[in-house]
């Protein structure tokens, strides 16, 4: 059975994720380091992990697998989940795929290094309405593929 896991601490598309998850009648698990307000629903679950670096990431990576969908902007978490066979989507609607995850990790590491030495200062592009729209379209496509993979 497909489960939709959300790396929830800084996720800008929680409402959209709930809408699509409920339409597909899949369990939606929001994982964070602190309690957050979410709508009540039979399919919505909150998991609050202990404070600490990568606690939420570790929980998601340990629980996700083939037929599941993971929503995260965290490239290392995405790489771990892709390895488990989960479908992984960023909040801006871009898929993390096995054939491109190595390059995404390398670019992340390069940008981190350039920020540390002061060569670049901005954190990245801001989240737009187009990103939200792309996310909704891609999540619908990814959910259908994941449900087929899980046999649902």
Protein backbone atom coordinates (compact mmCIF):
# COMPACT_ATOMS: atom_id res chain seq x y z
CA UNK A 1 0.00 0.00 0.00
CA UNK A 2 1.40 3.39 -1.01
CA UNK A 3 2.33 5.82 1.77
CA UNK A 4 3.02 9.50 1.16
CA UNK A 5 5.87 10.72 3.42
CA UNK A 6 6.48 14.45 3.86
CA UNK A 7 9.69 15.99 5.21
CA UNK A 8 7.49 18.56 6.89
CA UNK A 9 9.62 21.06 8.81
CA UNK A 10 10.00 23.55 5.94
CA UNK A 11 7.61 22.09 3.38
CA UNK A 12 5.66 24.81 1.53
CA UNK A 13 3.19 22.39 -0.11
CA UNK A 14 1.53 20.67 2.84
CA UNK A 15 -2.01 21.60 1.78
CA UNK A 16 -1.44 20.45 -1.78
CA UNK A 17 0.05 17.19 -0.55
CA UNK A 18 -2.98 16.53 1.65
CA UNK A 19 -5.37 17.29 -1.19
CA UNK A 20 -3.71 14.85 -3.59
CA UNK A 21 -3.09 12.20 -0.91
CA UNK A 22 -6.73 12.23 0.20
CA UNK A 23 -7.93 12.05 -3.40
CA UNK A 24 -5.82 8.90 -3.84
CA UNK A 25 -6.87 7.57 -0.41
CA UNK A 26 -3.32 6.97 0.79
CA UNK A 27 -1.84 7.43 4.24
CA UNK A 28 -0.04 10.79 4.53
CA UNK A 29 2.76 10.90 7.11
CA UNK A 30 4.19 14.29 8.08
CA UNK A 31 7.57 13.89 9.80
CA UNK A 32 9.06 16.82 11.71
CA UNK A 33 11.16 17.79 14.72
CA UNK A 34 8.24 19.57 16.38
CA UNK A 35 4.46 19.36 16.52
CA UNK A 36 2.72 21.28 13.75
CA UNK A 37 -0.85 22.22 13.08
CA UNK A 38 -2.36 20.12 10.32
CA UNK A 39 -5.94 19.43 9.36
CA UNK A 40 -7.51 16.42 11.03
CA UNK A 41 -8.22 13.46 8.81
CA UNK A 42 -8.29 9.70 8.88
CA UNK A 43 -5.39 9.53 6.43
CA UNK A 44 -3.21 12.22 8.04
CA UNK A 45 -0.56 11.17 10.56
CA UNK A 46 2.04 13.23 12.43
CA UNK A 47 5.38 11.80 13.48
CA UNK A 48 7.46 14.01 15.75
CA UNK A 49 11.05 12.84 15.99
CA UNK A 50 13.62 13.93 18.61
CA UNK A 51 15.52 17.17 18.04
CA UNK A 52 18.78 16.68 16.22
CA UNK A 53 20.31 16.80 12.79
CA UNK A 54 18.83 14.36 10.31
CA UNK A 55 16.39 12.72 12.77
CA UNK A 56 13.41 13.32 10.47
CA UNK A 57 15.47 12.29 7.45
CA UNK A 58 16.54 9.06 9.15
CA UNK A 59 12.95 8.21 10.09
CA UNK A 60 11.68 8.79 6.54
CA UNK A 61 14.56 6.86 4.93
CA UNK A 62 14.03 3.95 7.34
CA UNK A 63 10.29 3.71 6.61
CA UNK A 64 9.97 4.49 2.89
CA UNK A 65 10.33 1.94 0.15
CA UNK A 66 9.05 0.75 -3.22
CA UNK A 67 5.58 2.06 -3.99
CA UNK A 68 5.91 4.99 -1.56
CA UNK A 69 6.23 8.69 -2.35
CA UNK A 70 8.51 11.08 -0.45
CA UNK A 71 8.23 14.88 -0.57
CA UNK A 72 11.48 16.64 0.34
CA UNK A 73 13.81 19.42 -0.75
CA UNK A 74 16.70 17.68 1.03
CA UNK A 75 18.98 16.17 -1.62
CA UNK A 76 20.79 13.68 0.67
CA UNK A 77 17.43 12.42 1.99
CA UNK A 78 16.15 12.17 -1.58
CA UNK A 79 19.20 10.09 -2.53
CA UNK A 80 18.59 7.70 0.38
CA UNK A 81 14.91 7.30 -0.50
CA UNK A 82 15.58 6.80 -4.21
CA UNK A 83 17.89 3.93 -3.19
CA UNK A 84 15.03 2.32 -1.24
CA UNK A 85 12.86 2.40 -4.36
CA UNK A 86 10.56 5.26 -3.32
CA UNK A 87 9.40 7.91 -5.77
CA UNK A 88 10.82 11.26 -4.58
CA UNK A 89 9.53 14.71 -5.46
CA UNK A 90 10.73 18.16 -4.39
CA UNK A 91 8.24 20.86 -3.35
CA UNK A 92 8.89 22.69 -6.62
CA UNK A 93 7.75 19.65 -8.59
CA UNK A 94 11.11 18.31 -9.73
CA UNK A 95 11.57 14.55 -9.46
CA UNK A 96 14.65 13.00 -7.95
CA UNK A 97 15.61 10.08 -10.19
CA UNK A 98 18.24 7.42 -9.74
CA UNK A 99 19.98 8.36 -12.99
CA UNK A 100 20.44 12.01 -11.89
CA UNK A 101 20.76 11.89 -8.10
CA UNK A 102 24.58 11.75 -8.15
CA UNK A 103 24.76 15.00 -10.09
CA UNK A 104 22.21 16.67 -7.76
CA UNK A 105 24.30 15.65 -4.73
CA UNK A 106 27.48 16.98 -6.37
CA UNK A 107 25.81 20.31 -7.22
CA UNK A 108 24.48 20.61 -3.66
CA UNK A 109 27.94 20.01 -2.23
CA UNK A 110 29.52 22.50 -4.65
CA UNK A 111 26.97 25.21 -3.81
CA UNK A 112 27.46 24.58 -0.07
CA UNK A 113 31.21 24.99 -0.50
CA UNK A 114 30.81 28.18 -2.57
CA UNK A 115 28.51 29.68 0.09
CA UNK A 116 31.01 28.75 2.84
CA UNK A 117 33.87 30.56 1.10
CA UNK A 118 31.69 33.56 0.24
CA UNK A 119 31.60 33.13 -3.52
CA UNK A 120 27.80 33.01 -3.56
CA UNK A 121 25.45 34.49 -1.01
CA UNK A 122 21.88 33.72 -1.95
CA UNK A 123 20.27 30.46 -0.89
CA UNK A 124 18.46 29.82 -4.15
CA UNK A 125 15.41 30.91 -6.07
CA UNK A 126 12.23 31.79 -4.19
CA UNK A 127 9.17 29.54 -4.27
CA UNK A 128 6.67 30.63 -6.96
CA UNK A 129 3.09 29.95 -8.05
CA UNK A 130 4.54 28.07 -11.02
CA UNK A 131 6.48 25.83 -8.61
CA UNK A 132 3.26 25.08 -6.71
CA UNK A 133 1.41 24.30 -9.94
CA UNK A 134 4.24 22.08 -11.22
CA UNK A 135 4.27 20.28 -7.87
CA UNK A 136 0.55 19.51 -8.05
CA UNK A 137 0.82 18.17 -11.59
CA UNK A 138 3.90 16.09 -10.83
CA UNK A 139 2.53 14.73 -7.56
CA UNK A 140 -0.55 13.47 -9.38
CA UNK A 141 1.66 11.68 -11.92
CA UNK A 142 4.00 10.29 -9.25
CA UNK A 143 1.09 9.06 -7.09
CA UNK A 144 -0.37 7.12 -10.01
CA UNK A 145 3.00 5.51 -10.75
CA UNK A 146 3.60 4.65 -7.09
CA UNK A 147 0.17 3.07 -6.70
CA UNK A 148 0.81 0.95 -9.81
CA UNK A 149 4.18 -0.09 -8.36
CA UNK A 150 2.65 -1.06 -5.02
CA UNK A 151 -0.15 -2.99 -6.71
CA UNK A 152 -2.92 -0.72 -5.42
